[in-house]
Amino acid sequence: MKKFYLFTLIVVVMSNLVSAQNASIAEDINKKTFLVSDKVICQKVTFKNRYGITLVGDLYTPKNSSDELLPALAISGPFGAVKEQSSGLYAQSMAERGFIALAFDPSYTGESGGEPRHVASPDINTEDLSAAVDFLGIQKKVDRNKIGMIGICGFGGFALNAAAVDKRIKAVVATSMYDITRAASKGYFDKVTLDERTKALEQVSLQRWRDAENGKPAYGQCPNPDKLKGDEPEFVKSYFDYYKTERGFHPSSINSNGSWTITNSFSLMNMPILTYIKEISPRPILLIAGENAHSRYFSEDAYNAASEPKELMIISNAVHVDLYDRLDVIPFDKLKSFFNENLK
């Protein structure tokens, strides 16, 4: 009998340890990289995109809001980040200003579904944003005629692509925008030659056979190094400062703690997403970039390619990642006035 009680005690202790460990993991996954506001309500939600992939998001609603229908915003990015990072901060901050805001993990990343993990797609990631609009438009407190979108970094480009085809999006903002498809195929400042692009695609094409033989994809390195040597470009140091330190590190973020599949660039290099940017008009576009951001030219080129109404806002002395989380840099009041004016 004593052995039975001892065995039972061990089982109970082990069960409690496992439960505590699981709770700790869940807490780490859901922990925000920004201070949580007491002015909003944050609710975990799920919805499906057109391909049947379940997406997980945080829905931010202003506290003590009236019975009046509210404007809503779909928010995602940066590329390789999760909703507990920059997009969540944007959503919370816009909810403080009277909007219902949804920050979500794109397909194949974070808490959202999709296998294999850590894959990007210009088509599916654009669809993810429209699926967020689907979800917002059926919420009882949302005015479905007043839905806007904010894309951060690589999801700035995807947001512009979504707005071009999805006419329900009444206004769109891209901050620290990347055209990921252009960067993947041409490199920074379009310096990759045709020969270099061809060789890169040959290597990725051969990797597909290796993955097929192994029955699973191979993964590369984390986009950001664990340590800096000191001679890196300034933008690499900036990414490190956000993603690899307490400032913005999150265990679920590819940019902090993971890696993309080696074949991830395959479709990105072949599908330019800003082909129809002119067709966003007559709905307004706001592009925001840091004065000293290495990515500034993406926003400037998108502005030049777009039709009116459009606006380009350059933030003095700011770099790319300053628009991820610097509350004294991100022009939230400008975002509020832009959407209030255009979500009519």
C-alpha atoms as a PDB file:
ATOM      1  CA  MET A   1       0.000   0.000   0.000  1.00  0.00           C
ATOM      2  CA  LYS A   2       2.865   2.386   0.851  1.00  0.00           C
ATOM      3  CA  LYS A   3       4.363   1.740  -2.591  1.00  0.00           C
ATOM      4  CA  PHE A   4       1.013   2.624  -4.187  1.00  0.00           C
ATOM      5  CA  TYR A   5       0.812   5.908  -2.263  1.00  0.00           C
ATOM      6  CA  LEU A   6       4.430   6.703  -3.143  1.00  0.00           C
ATOM      7  CA  PHE A   7       3.739   5.987  -6.809  1.00  0.00           C
ATOM      8  CA  THR A   8       0.609   8.154  -6.697  1.00  0.00           C
ATOM      9  CA  LEU A   9       2.568  10.978  -5.055  1.00  0.00           C
ATOM     10  CA  ILE A  10       5.246  10.801  -7.746  1.00  0.00           C
ATOM     11  CA  VAL A  11       2.605  10.895 -10.492  1.00  0.00           C
ATOM     12  CA  VAL A  12       0.933  13.925  -8.914  1.00  0.00           C
ATOM     13  CA  VAL A  13       4.243  15.758  -8.480  1.00  0.00           C
ATOM     14  CA  MET A  14       5.317  15.013 -12.056  1.00  0.00           C
ATOM     15  CA  SER A  15       1.907  16.082 -13.363  1.00  0.00           C
ATOM     16  CA  ASN A  16       2.172  19.358 -11.471  1.00  0.00           C
ATOM     17  CA  LEU A  17       5.677  19.938 -12.816  1.00  0.00           C
ATOM     18  CA  VAL A  18       4.522  19.331 -16.388  1.00  0.00           C
ATOM     19  CA  SER A  19       1.517  21.623 -15.880  1.00  0.00           C
ATOM     20  CA  ALA A  20       3.764  24.332 -14.450  1.00  0.00           C
ATOM     21  CA  GLN A  21       6.196  23.929 -17.331  1.00  0.00           C
ATOM     22  CA  ASN A  22       3.380  24.131 -19.891  1.00  0.00           C
ATOM     23  CA  ALA A  23       1.990  27.204 -18.156  1.00  0.00           C
ATOM     24  CA  SER A  24       5.431  28.819 -18.241  1.00  0.00           C
ATOM     25  CA  ILE A  25       5.770  28.077 -21.966  1.00  0.00           C
ATOM     26  CA  ALA A  26       2.304  29.513 -22.641  1.00  0.00           C
ATOM     27  CA  GLU A  27       3.179  32.619 -20.638  1.00  0.00           C
ATOM     28  CA  ASP A  28       6.400  33.097 -22.632  1.00  0.00           C
ATOM     29  CA  ILE A  29       4.534  32.703 -25.933  1.00  0.00           C
ATOM     30  CA  ASN A  30       1.840  35.205 -24.978  1.00  0.00           C
ATOM     31  CA  LYS A  31       4.098  37.706 -23.238  1.00  0.00           C
ATOM     32  CA  LYS A  32       4.132  41.052 -25.004  1.00  0.00           C
ATOM     33  CA  THR A  33       7.357  42.883 -25.778  1.00  0.00           C
ATOM     34  CA  PHE A  34       5.654  46.171 -24.865  1.00  0.00           C
ATOM     35  CA  LEU A  35       3.872  47.539 -21.814  1.00  0.00           C
ATOM     36  CA  VAL A  36       0.265  46.380 -21.664  1.00  0.00           C
ATOM     37  CA  SER A  37      -2.259  49.228 -21.608  1.00  0.00           C
ATOM     38  CA  ASP A  38      -5.076  49.444 -19.069  1.00  0.00           C
ATOM     39  CA  LYS A  39      -7.162  51.433 -21.562  1.00  0.00           C
ATOM     40  CA  VAL A  40      -7.966  48.526 -23.868  1.00  0.00           C
ATOM     41  CA  ILE A  41      -9.251  44.961 -23.783  1.00  0.00           C
ATOM     42  CA  CYS A  42      -7.125  42.316 -25.531  1.00  0.00           C
ATOM     43  CA  GLN A  43      -8.820  39.092 -26.611  1.00  0.00           C
ATOM     44  CA  LYS A  44      -7.217  36.060 -28.284  1.00  0.00           C
ATOM     45  CA  VAL A  45      -9.126  35.204 -31.468  1.00  0.00           C
ATOM     46  CA  THR A  46      -8.905  32.737 -34.348  1.00  0.00           C
ATOM     47  CA  PHE A  47     -10.118  32.912 -37.942  1.00  0.00           C
ATOM     48  CA  LYS A  48      -9.420  31.130 -41.205  1.00  0.00           C
ATOM     49  CA  ASN A  49      -8.024  32.426 -44.465  1.00  0.00           C
ATOM     50  CA  ARG A  50      -9.306  31.438 -47.893  1.00  0.00           C
ATOM     51  CA  TYR A  51      -6.953  28.430 -47.942  1.00  0.00           C
ATOM     52  CA  GLY A  52      -8.342  27.022 -44.711  1.00  0.00           C
ATOM     53  CA  ILE A  53      -5.344  27.933 -42.563  1.00  0.00           C
ATOM     54  CA  THR A  54      -6.285  28.963 -39.032  1.00  0.00           C
ATOM     55  CA  LEU A  55      -4.814  32.299 -38.030  1.00  0.00           C
ATOM     56  CA  VAL A  56      -4.400  33.445 -34.435  1.00  0.00           C
ATOM     57  CA  GLY A  57      -4.632  37.084 -33.464  1.00  0.00           C
ATOM     58  CA  ASP A  58      -5.032  39.512 -30.601  1.00  0.00           C
ATOM     59  CA  LEU A  59      -8.119  41.720 -30.925  1.00  0.00           C
ATOM     60  CA  TYR A  60      -7.737  45.057 -29.146  1.00  0.00           C
ATOM     61  CA  THR A  61     -10.906  46.982 -28.229  1.00  0.00           C
ATOM     62  CA  PRO A  62     -11.170  50.339 -26.431  1.00  0.00           C
ATOM     63  CA  LYS A  63     -12.458  50.026 -22.884  1.00  0.00           C
ATOM     64  CA  ASN A  64     -15.773  51.672 -22.051  1.00  0.00           C
ATOM     65  CA  SER A  65     -16.632  52.194 -25.711  1.00  0.00           C
ATOM     66  CA  SER A  66     -20.213  53.170 -26.546  1.00  0.00           C
ATOM     67  CA  ASP A  67     -22.727  51.084 -28.462  1.00  0.00           C
ATOM     68  CA  GLU A  68     -21.786  52.981 -31.619  1.00  0.00           C
ATOM     69  CA  LEU A  69     -20.044  50.926 -34.309  1.00  0.00           C
ATOM     70  CA  LEU A  70     -16.292  51.539 -34.433  1.00  0.00           C
ATOM     71  CA  PRO A  71     -13.777  51.729 -37.268  1.00  0.00           C
ATOM     72  CA  ALA A  72     -11.374  48.797 -37.408  1.00  0.00           C
ATOM     73  CA  LEU A  73      -7.806  48.108 -38.484  1.00  0.00           C
ATOM     74  CA  ALA A  74      -6.054  44.921 -39.630  1.00  0.00           C
ATOM     75  CA  ILE A  75      -2.376  45.007 -38.663  1.00  0.00           C
ATOM     76  CA  SER A  76       0.550  42.686 -39.292  1.00  0.00           C
ATOM     77  CA  GLY A  77       4.314  42.686 -39.599  1.00  0.00           C
ATOM     78  CA  PRO A  78       7.229  42.986 -39.564  1.00  0.00           C
ATOM     79  CA  PHE A  79       8.249  40.118 -41.837  1.00  0.00           C
ATOM     80  CA  GLY A  80       9.310  37.258 -39.547  1.00  0.00           C
ATOM     81  CA  ALA A  81       7.818  38.834 -36.414  1.00  0.00           C
ATOM     82  CA  VAL A  82       4.833  37.872 -34.253  1.00  0.00           C
ATOM     83  CA  LYS A  83       1.805  39.704 -32.877  1.00  0.00           C
ATOM     84  CA  GLU A  84       3.420  40.094 -29.456  1.00  0.00           C
ATOM     85  CA  GLN A  85       5.988  42.402 -31.046  1.00  0.00           C
ATOM     86  CA  SER A  86       5.483  45.489 -33.205  1.00  0.00           C
ATOM     87  CA  SER A  87       2.045  44.745 -34.680  1.00  0.00           C
ATOM     88  CA  GLY A  88       0.595  44.239 -31.208  1.00  0.00           C
ATOM     89  CA  LEU A  89       2.001  47.569 -30.059  1.00  0.00           C
ATOM     90  CA  TYR A  90       0.428  49.284 -33.077  1.00  0.00           C
ATOM     91  CA  ALA A  91      -2.914  47.555 -32.458  1.00  0.00           C
ATOM     92  CA  GLN A  92      -2.946  48.437 -28.776  1.00  0.00           C
ATOM     93  CA  SER A  93      -1.977  52.048 -29.478  1.00  0.00           C
ATOM     94  CA  MET A  94      -4.687  52.445 -32.118  1.00  0.00           C
ATOM     95  CA  ALA A  95      -7.269  50.868 -29.786  1.00  0.00           C
ATOM     96  CA  GLU A  96      -6.317  53.509 -27.235  1.00  0.00           C
ATOM     97  CA  ARG A  97      -7.289  56.026 -29.917  1.00  0.00           C
ATOM     98  CA  GLY A  98     -10.738  54.593 -30.533  1.00  0.00           C
ATOM     99  CA  PHE A  99     -10.238  51.833 -33.106  1.00  0.00           C
ATOM    100  CA  ILE A 100     -10.856  48.111 -32.917  1.00  0.00           C
ATOM    101  CA  ALA A 101      -7.524  46.692 -34.020  1.00  0.00           C
ATOM    102  CA  LEU A 102      -6.469  43.156 -34.904  1.00  0.00           C
ATOM    103  CA  ALA A 103      -2.818  42.095 -34.768  1.00  0.00           C
ATOM    104  CA  PHE A 104      -2.219  38.553 -35.989  1.00  0.00           C
ATOM    105  CA  ASP A 105       0.433  35.978 -36.800  1.00  0.00           C
ATOM    106  CA  PRO A 106       0.676  35.246 -40.537  1.00  0.00           C
ATOM    107  CA  SER A 107       0.258  31.729 -41.890  1.00  0.00           C
ATOM    108  CA  TYR A 108       3.023  29.255 -40.983  1.00  0.00           C
ATOM    109  CA  THR A 109       4.376  31.481 -38.193  1.00  0.00           C
ATOM    110  CA  GLY A 110       3.791  32.169 -34.503  1.00  0.00           C
ATOM    111  CA  GLU A 111       0.604  30.636 -33.141  1.00  0.00           C
ATOM    112  CA  SER A 112      -1.080  30.488 -36.546  1.00  0.00           C
ATOM    113  CA  GLY A 113      -1.483  27.237 -38.463  1.00  0.00           C
ATOM    114  CA  GLY A 114       0.138  25.941 -41.596  1.00  0.00           C
ATOM    115  CA  GLU A 115       2.719  23.254 -42.288  1.00  0.00           C
ATOM    116  CA  PRO A 116       5.636  23.211 -42.730  1.00  0.00           C
ATOM    117  CA  ARG A 117       6.576  25.955 -40.327  1.00  0.00           C
ATOM    118  CA  HIS A 118       8.307  29.218 -41.165  1.00  0.00           C
ATOM    119  CA  VAL A 119       7.289  29.610 -44.790  1.00  0.00           C
ATOM    120  CA  ALA A 120       6.334  32.890 -46.469  1.00  0.00           C
ATOM    121  CA  SER A 121       4.250  33.354 -49.595  1.00  0.00           C
ATOM    122  CA  PRO A 122       3.401  36.587 -51.432  1.00  0.00           C
ATOM    123  CA  ASP A 123      -0.009  35.128 -52.235  1.00  0.00           C
ATOM    124  CA  ILE A 124      -0.893  33.559 -48.896  1.00  0.00           C
ATOM    125  CA  ASN A 125       0.470  36.430 -46.792  1.00  0.00           C
ATOM    126  CA  THR A 126      -1.559  38.890 -48.856  1.00  0.00           C
ATOM    127  CA  GLU A 127      -4.570  36.616 -48.365  1.00  0.00           C
ATOM    128  CA  ASP A 128      -3.904  36.609 -44.598  1.00  0.00           C
ATOM    129  CA  LEU A 129      -4.534  40.349 -44.531  1.00  0.00           C
ATOM    130  CA  SER A 130      -7.804  40.011 -46.436  1.00  0.00           C
ATOM    131  CA  ALA A 131      -8.823  37.194 -44.072  1.00  0.00           C
ATOM    132  CA  ALA A 132      -8.281  39.639 -41.196  1.00  0.00           C
ATOM    133  CA  VAL A 133     -10.704  41.995 -42.964  1.00  0.00           C
ATOM    134  CA  ASP A 134     -13.170  39.078 -43.256  1.00  0.00           C
ATOM    135  CA  PHE A 135     -12.966  38.579 -39.502  1.00  0.00           C
ATOM    136  CA  LEU A 136     -13.257  42.256 -38.583  1.00  0.00           C
ATOM    137  CA  GLY A 137     -16.215  42.783 -40.886  1.00  0.00           C
ATOM    138  CA  ILE A 138     -18.382  40.238 -39.048  1.00  0.00           C
ATOM    139  CA  GLN A 139     -17.713  41.579 -35.543  1.00  0.00           C
ATOM    140  CA  LYS A 140     -20.790  43.151 -33.962  1.00  0.00           C
ATOM    141  CA  LYS A 141     -18.975  46.301 -32.837  1.00  0.00           C
ATOM    142  CA  VAL A 142     -17.213  46.957 -36.164  1.00  0.00           C
ATOM    143  CA  ASP A 143     -18.489  49.237 -38.911  1.00  0.00           C
ATOM    144  CA  ARG A 144     -17.532  47.112 -41.910  1.00  0.00           C
ATOM    145  CA  ASN A 145     -17.568  50.211 -44.113  1.00  0.00           C
ATOM    146  CA  LYS A 146     -14.734  51.660 -42.030  1.00  0.00           C
ATOM    147  CA  ILE A 147     -11.928  49.110 -42.203  1.00  0.00           C
ATOM    148  CA  GLY A 148      -8.320  50.152 -42.774  1.00  0.00           C
ATOM    149  CA  MET A 149      -4.984  48.384 -42.747  1.00  0.00           C
ATOM    150  CA  ILE A 150      -1.471  48.907 -41.371  1.00  0.00           C
ATOM    151  CA  GLY A 151       1.436  46.862 -42.684  1.00  0.00           C
ATOM    152  CA  ILE A 152       4.825  47.067 -40.989  1.00  0.00           C
ATOM    153  CA  CYS A 153       8.124  46.344 -42.771  1.00  0.00           C
ATOM    154  CA  GLY A 154       7.585  43.443 -45.202  1.00  0.00           C
ATOM    155  CA  PHE A 155       3.881  43.437 -44.462  1.00  0.00           C
ATOM    156  CA  GLY A 156       3.780  47.023 -45.651  1.00  0.00           C
ATOM    157  CA  GLY A 157       4.287  45.674 -49.149  1.00  0.00           C
ATOM    158  CA  PHE A 158       1.757  42.903 -48.598  1.00  0.00           C
ATOM    159  CA  ALA A 159      -0.747  45.464 -47.256  1.00  0.00           C
ATOM    160  CA  LEU A 160      -0.419  47.542 -50.425  1.00  0.00           C
ATOM    161  CA  ASN A 161      -0.870  44.377 -52.479  1.00  0.00           C
ATOM    162  CA  ALA A 162      -3.975  43.432 -50.481  1.00  0.00           C
ATOM    163  CA  ALA A 163      -5.459  46.919 -50.837  1.00  0.00           C
ATOM    164  CA  ALA A 164      -4.970  46.811 -54.610  1.00  0.00           C
ATOM    165  CA  VAL A 165      -7.347  43.862 -54.977  1.00  0.00           C
ATOM    166  CA  ASP A 166      -9.492  43.987 -51.834  1.00  0.00           C
ATOM    167  CA  LYS A 167     -11.803  46.967 -52.273  1.00  0.00           C
ATOM    168  CA  ARG A 168     -13.152  46.637 -48.722  1.00  0.00           C
ATOM    169  CA  ILE A 169      -9.907  48.206 -47.447  1.00  0.00           C
ATOM    170  CA  LYS A 170     -10.744  51.910 -47.361  1.00  0.00           C
ATOM    171  CA  ALA A 171      -7.302  53.260 -46.425  1.00  0.00           C
ATOM    172  CA  VAL A 172      -3.860  51.717 -46.038  1.00  0.00           C
ATOM    173  CA  VAL A 173      -0.677  52.629 -44.170  1.00  0.00           C
ATOM    174  CA  ALA A 174       2.766  51.109 -44.654  1.00  0.00           C
ATOM    175  CA  THR A 175       5.473  51.892 -42.096  1.00  0.00           C
ATOM    176  CA  SER A 176       9.184  51.135 -42.656  1.00  0.00           C
ATOM    177  CA  MET A 177       7.973  49.377 -45.788  1.00  0.00           C
ATOM    178  CA  TYR A 178       9.836  46.565 -47.523  1.00  0.00           C
ATOM    179  CA  ASP A 179       8.885  45.180 -50.887  1.00  0.00           C
ATOM    180  CA  ILE A 180       9.962  41.678 -49.861  1.00  0.00           C
ATOM    181  CA  THR A 181       9.613  40.277 -53.375  1.00  0.00           C
ATOM    182  CA  ARG A 182      11.889  42.968 -54.796  1.00  0.00           C
ATOM    183  CA  ALA A 183      14.428  42.553 -51.993  1.00  0.00           C
ATOM    184  CA  ALA A 184      14.456  38.765 -52.432  1.00  0.00           C
ATOM    185  CA  SER A 185      14.997  38.901 -56.183  1.00  0.00           C
ATOM    186  CA  LYS A 186      17.182  41.989 -56.548  1.00  0.00           C
ATOM    187  CA  GLY A 187      18.801  42.563 -53.149  1.00  0.00           C
ATOM    188  CA  TYR A 188      19.186  45.922 -51.489  1.00  0.00           C
ATOM    189  CA  PHE A 189      19.137  48.827 -53.931  1.00  0.00           C
ATOM    190  CA  ASP A 190      18.630  46.319 -56.783  1.00  0.00           C
ATOM    191  CA  LYS A 191      22.325  45.389 -56.854  1.00  0.00           C
ATOM    192  CA  VAL A 192      21.840  41.662 -57.532  1.00  0.00           C
ATOM    193  CA  THR A 193      22.696  40.888 -61.156  1.00  0.00           C
ATOM    194  CA  LEU A 194      20.791  38.505 -63.401  1.00  0.00           C
ATOM    195  CA  ASP A 195      23.666  36.024 -63.167  1.00  0.00           C
ATOM    196  CA  GLU A 196      23.632  36.168 -59.351  1.00  0.00           C
ATOM    197  CA  ARG A 197      19.861  35.747 -59.290  1.00  0.00           C
ATOM    198  CA  THR A 198      20.085  32.766 -61.655  1.00  0.00           C
ATOM    199  CA  LYS A 199      22.726  31.055 -59.504  1.00  0.00           C
ATOM    200  CA  ALA A 200      20.687  31.633 -56.350  1.00  0.00           C
ATOM    201  CA  LEU A 201      17.606  30.135 -57.960  1.00  0.00           C
ATOM    202  CA  GLU A 202      19.598  27.158 -59.213  1.00  0.00           C
ATOM    203  CA  GLN A 203      20.696  26.427 -55.635  1.00  0.00           C
ATOM    204  CA  VAL A 204      17.157  26.788 -54.286  1.00  0.00           C
ATOM    205  CA  SER A 205      15.811  24.590 -57.084  1.00  0.00           C
ATOM    206  CA  LEU A 206      18.271  21.807 -56.197  1.00  0.00           C
ATOM    207  CA  GLN A 207      17.360  22.193 -52.526  1.00  0.00           C
ATOM    208  CA  ARG A 208      13.798  21.247 -53.431  1.00  0.00           C
ATOM    209  CA  TRP A 209      15.047  17.784 -54.499  1.00  0.00           C
ATOM    210  CA  ARG A 210      16.939  17.404 -51.209  1.00  0.00           C
ATOM    211  CA  ASP A 211      13.807  18.345 -49.298  1.00  0.00           C
ATOM    212  CA  ALA A 212      11.755  15.892 -51.376  1.00  0.00           C
ATOM    213  CA  GLU A 213      14.234  13.091 -50.636  1.00  0.00           C
ATOM    214  CA  ASN A 214      14.188  13.875 -46.912  1.00  0.00           C
ATOM    215  CA  GLY A 215      10.432  14.302 -46.765  1.00  0.00           C
ATOM    216  CA  LYS A 216      10.749  17.637 -44.969  1.00  0.00           C
ATOM    217  CA  PRO A 217      12.238  21.085 -45.621  1.00  0.00           C
ATOM    218  CA  ALA A 218      15.691  22.151 -44.515  1.00  0.00           C
ATOM    219  CA  TYR A 219      16.058  25.372 -42.578  1.00  0.00           C
ATOM    220  CA  GLY A 220      18.640  28.126 -42.796  1.00  0.00           C
ATOM    221  CA  GLN A 221      20.070  30.324 -40.081  1.00  0.00           C
ATOM    222  CA  CYS A 222      18.219  32.822 -37.914  1.00  0.00           C
ATOM    223  CA  PRO A 223      17.923  36.083 -39.861  1.00  0.00           C
ATOM    224  CA  ASN A 224      19.742  37.834 -37.014  1.00  0.00           C
ATOM    225  CA  PRO A 225      23.020  36.661 -35.429  1.00  0.00           C
ATOM    226  CA  ASP A 226      23.280  35.744 -31.752  1.00  0.00           C
ATOM    227  CA  LYS A 227      26.300  38.011 -31.369  1.00  0.00           C
ATOM    228  CA  LEU A 228      27.699  40.997 -33.219  1.00  0.00           C
ATOM    229  CA  LYS A 229      31.307  41.197 -34.340  1.00  0.00           C
ATOM    230  CA  GLY A 230      31.159  44.972 -34.572  1.00  0.00           C
ATOM    231  CA  ASP A 231      31.787  45.467 -38.271  1.00  0.00           C
ATOM    232  CA  GLU A 232      28.211  44.819 -39.382  1.00  0.00           C
ATOM    233  CA  PRO A 233      26.197  47.446 -41.303  1.00  0.00           C
ATOM    234  CA  GLU A 234      24.193  49.780 -39.096  1.00  0.00           C
ATOM    235  CA  PHE A 235      20.871  48.235 -40.124  1.00  0.00           C
ATOM    236  CA  VAL A 236      22.077  44.784 -39.010  1.00  0.00           C
ATOM    237  CA  LYS A 237      23.013  46.258 -35.639  1.00  0.00           C
ATOM    238  CA  SER A 238      19.577  47.865 -35.437  1.00  0.00           C
ATOM    239  CA  TYR A 239      17.817  44.584 -36.165  1.00  0.00           C
ATOM    240  CA  PHE A 240      19.949  42.884 -33.512  1.00  0.00           C
ATOM    241  CA  ASP A 241      19.093  45.605 -30.994  1.00  0.00           C
ATOM    242  CA  TYR A 242      15.392  44.976 -31.512  1.00  0.00           C
ATOM    243  CA  TYR A 243      15.055  41.251 -32.099  1.00  0.00           C
ATOM    244  CA  LYS A 244      17.887  39.792 -30.018  1.00  0.00           C
ATOM    245  CA  THR A 245      17.688  41.896 -26.859  1.00  0.00           C
ATOM    246  CA  GLU A 246      15.034  42.397 -24.173  1.00  0.00           C
ATOM    247  CA  ARG A 247      13.735  45.320 -26.217  1.00  0.00           C
ATOM    248  CA  GLY A 248      11.946  43.096 -28.724  1.00  0.00           C
ATOM    249  CA  PHE A 249      13.022  39.455 -28.315  1.00  0.00           C
ATOM    250  CA  HIS A 250      10.219  36.918 -28.452  1.00  0.00           C
ATOM    251  CA  PRO A 251      10.682  33.124 -28.461  1.00  0.00           C
ATOM    252  CA  SER A 252       8.095  32.613 -31.223  1.00  0.00           C
ATOM    253  CA  SER A 253       9.578  35.184 -33.577  1.00  0.00           C
ATOM    254  CA  ILE A 254      11.574  33.876 -36.536  1.00  0.00           C
ATOM    255  CA  ASN A 255      13.713  37.010 -36.405  1.00  0.00           C
ATOM    256  CA  SER A 256      14.484  36.419 -32.724  1.00  0.00           C
ATOM    257  CA  ASN A 257      14.628  32.685 -32.340  1.00  0.00           C
ATOM    258  CA  GLY A 258      14.072  30.806 -35.583  1.00  0.00           C
ATOM    259  CA  SER A 259      14.809  30.516 -39.289  1.00  0.00           C
ATOM    260  CA  TRP A 260      13.016  30.355 -42.619  1.00  0.00           C
ATOM    261  CA  THR A 261      13.115  27.292 -44.847  1.00  0.00           C
ATOM    262  CA  ILE A 262      16.029  27.378 -47.299  1.00  0.00           C
ATOM    263  CA  THR A 263      13.539  27.374 -50.185  1.00  0.00           C
ATOM    264  CA  ASN A 264      11.547  30.243 -48.699  1.00  0.00           C
ATOM    265  CA  SER A 265      12.650  32.744 -51.351  1.00  0.00           C
ATOM    266  CA  PHE A 266      11.435  30.581 -54.265  1.00  0.00           C
ATOM    267  CA  SER A 267       8.054  32.251 -54.832  1.00  0.00           C
ATOM    268  CA  LEU A 268       9.112  35.581 -53.344  1.00  0.00           C
ATOM    269  CA  MET A 269      11.666  35.989 -56.145  1.00  0.00           C
ATOM    270  CA  ASN A 270       9.077  35.373 -58.832  1.00  0.00           C
ATOM    271  CA  MET A 271       6.001  37.406 -57.882  1.00  0.00           C
ATOM    272  CA  PRO A 272       6.330  41.218 -57.774  1.00  0.00           C
ATOM    273  CA  ILE A 273       3.615  42.350 -55.365  1.00  0.00           C
ATOM    274  CA  LEU A 274       3.352  46.044 -56.247  1.00  0.00           C
ATOM    275  CA  THR A 275       2.384  45.536 -59.890  1.00  0.00           C
ATOM    276  CA  TYR A 276      -1.113  46.957 -59.363  1.00  0.00           C
ATOM    277  CA  ILE A 277      -0.367  49.627 -56.745  1.00  0.00           C
ATOM    278  CA  LYS A 278      -2.052  52.287 -58.891  1.00  0.00           C
ATOM    279  CA  GLU A 279      -5.351  50.448 -58.474  1.00  0.00           C
ATOM    280  CA  ILE A 280      -5.505  51.316 -54.785  1.00  0.00           C
ATOM    281  CA  SER A 281      -6.698  54.753 -55.911  1.00  0.00           C
ATOM    282  CA  PRO A 282      -9.019  56.495 -55.126  1.00  0.00           C
ATOM    283  CA  ARG A 283      -8.482  55.029 -51.662  1.00  0.00           C
ATOM    284  CA  PRO A 284      -5.658  56.831 -49.804  1.00  0.00           C
ATOM    285  CA  ILE A 285      -2.171  55.550 -49.046  1.00  0.00           C
ATOM    286  CA  LEU A 286       0.126  56.782 -46.266  1.00  0.00           C
ATOM    287  CA  LEU A 287       3.766  55.688 -46.387  1.00  0.00           C
ATOM    288  CA  ILE A 288       5.957  56.361 -43.334  1.00  0.00           C
ATOM    289  CA  ALA A 289       9.729  55.880 -43.324  1.00  0.00           C
ATOM    290  CA  GLY A 290      12.676  56.918 -41.205  1.00  0.00           C
ATOM    291  CA  GLU A 291      14.973  59.576 -42.596  1.00  0.00           C
ATOM    292  CA  ASN A 292      18.015  57.369 -42.011  1.00  0.00           C
ATOM    293  CA  ALA A 293      16.340  54.025 -42.709  1.00  0.00           C
ATOM    294  CA  HIS A 294      18.199  51.706 -45.094  1.00  0.00           C
ATOM    295  CA  SER A 295      14.747  50.764 -46.417  1.00  0.00           C
ATOM    296  CA  ARG A 296      13.588  54.327 -47.118  1.00  0.00           C
ATOM    297  CA  TYR A 297      13.856  53.898 -50.887  1.00  0.00           C
ATOM    298  CA  PHE A 298      11.147  51.221 -50.857  1.00  0.00           C
ATOM    299  CA  SER A 299       8.640  53.757 -49.489  1.00  0.00           C
ATOM    300  CA  GLU A 300       9.802  56.470 -51.867  1.00  0.00           C
ATOM    301  CA  ASP A 301       9.538  54.194 -54.892  1.00  0.00           C
ATOM    302  CA  ALA A 302       6.089  52.971 -53.808  1.00  0.00           C
ATOM    303  CA  TYR A 303       4.982  56.574 -53.383  1.00  0.00           C
ATOM    304  CA  ASN A 304       6.192  57.468 -56.869  1.00  0.00           C
ATOM    305  CA  ALA A 305       4.455  54.422 -58.366  1.00  0.00           C
ATOM    306  CA  ALA A 306       1.112  54.972 -56.618  1.00  0.00           C
ATOM    307  CA  SER A 307      -1.709  57.203 -57.784  1.00  0.00           C
ATOM    308  CA  GLU A 308      -3.285  59.989 -55.756  1.00  0.00           C
ATOM    309  CA  PRO A 309      -4.391  60.314 -53.026  1.00  0.00           C
ATOM    310  CA  LYS A 310      -1.077  59.432 -51.414  1.00  0.00           C
ATOM    311  CA  GLU A 311       1.257  60.811 -48.786  1.00  0.00           C
ATOM    312  CA  LEU A 312       4.875  60.130 -47.864  1.00  0.00           C
ATOM    313  CA  MET A 313       5.917  60.989 -44.310  1.00  0.00           C
ATOM    314  CA  ILE A 314       9.639  60.966 -43.473  1.00  0.00           C
ATOM    315  CA  ILE A 315      10.466  60.839 -39.756  1.00  0.00           C
ATOM    316  CA  SER A 316      13.529  62.941 -38.937  1.00  0.00           C
ATOM    317  CA  ASN A 317      16.616  61.093 -37.641  1.00  0.00           C
ATOM    318  CA  ALA A 318      14.753  57.760 -37.468  1.00  0.00           C
ATOM    319  CA  VAL A 319      16.056  54.400 -38.677  1.00  0.00           C
ATOM    320  CA  HIS A 320      14.055  51.410 -39.889  1.00  0.00           C
ATOM    321  CA  VAL A 321      13.408  49.719 -36.525  1.00  0.00           C
ATOM    322  CA  ASP A 322      12.543  52.969 -34.728  1.00  0.00           C
ATOM    323  CA  LEU A 323       9.119  52.600 -36.330  1.00  0.00           C
ATOM    324  CA  TYR A 324       8.752  49.172 -34.734  1.00  0.00           C
ATOM    325  CA  ASP A 325       8.384  50.287 -31.126  1.00  0.00           C
ATOM    326  CA  ARG A 326       9.624  53.799 -30.351  1.00  0.00           C
ATOM    327  CA  LEU A 327       6.561  55.533 -28.938  1.00  0.00           C
ATOM    328  CA  ASP A 328       8.267  58.908 -29.298  1.00  0.00           C
ATOM    329  CA  VAL A 329       8.964  58.201 -32.984  1.00  0.00           C
ATOM    330  CA  ILE A 330       5.904  56.376 -34.343  1.00  0.00           C
ATOM    331  CA  PRO A 331       3.390  59.087 -35.349  1.00  0.00           C
ATOM    332  CA  PHE A 332       0.310  57.485 -33.789  1.00  0.00           C
ATOM    333  CA  ASP A 333      -1.620  60.750 -33.742  1.00  0.00           C
ATOM    334  CA  LYS A 334      -0.981  61.077 -37.473  1.00  0.00           C
ATOM    335  CA  LEU A 335      -2.280  57.526 -37.955  1.00  0.00           C
ATOM    336  CA  LYS A 336      -5.374  58.424 -35.950  1.00  0.00           C
ATOM    337  CA  SER A 337      -6.107  61.531 -38.004  1.00  0.00           C
ATOM    338  CA  PHE A 338      -5.388  59.717 -41.287  1.00  0.00           C
ATOM    339  CA  PHE A 339      -7.862  56.932 -40.567  1.00  0.00           C
ATOM    340  CA  ASN A 340     -10.459  59.204 -38.979  1.00  0.00           C
ATOM    341  CA  GLU A 341     -10.416  61.348 -42.095  1.00  0.00           C
ATOM    342  CA  ASN A 342     -10.460  58.503 -44.597  1.00  0.00           C
ATOM    343  CA  LEU A 343     -12.635  55.840 -42.957  1.00  0.00           C
ATOM    344  CA  LYS A 344     -15.824  57.780 -43.571  1.00  0.00           C
END
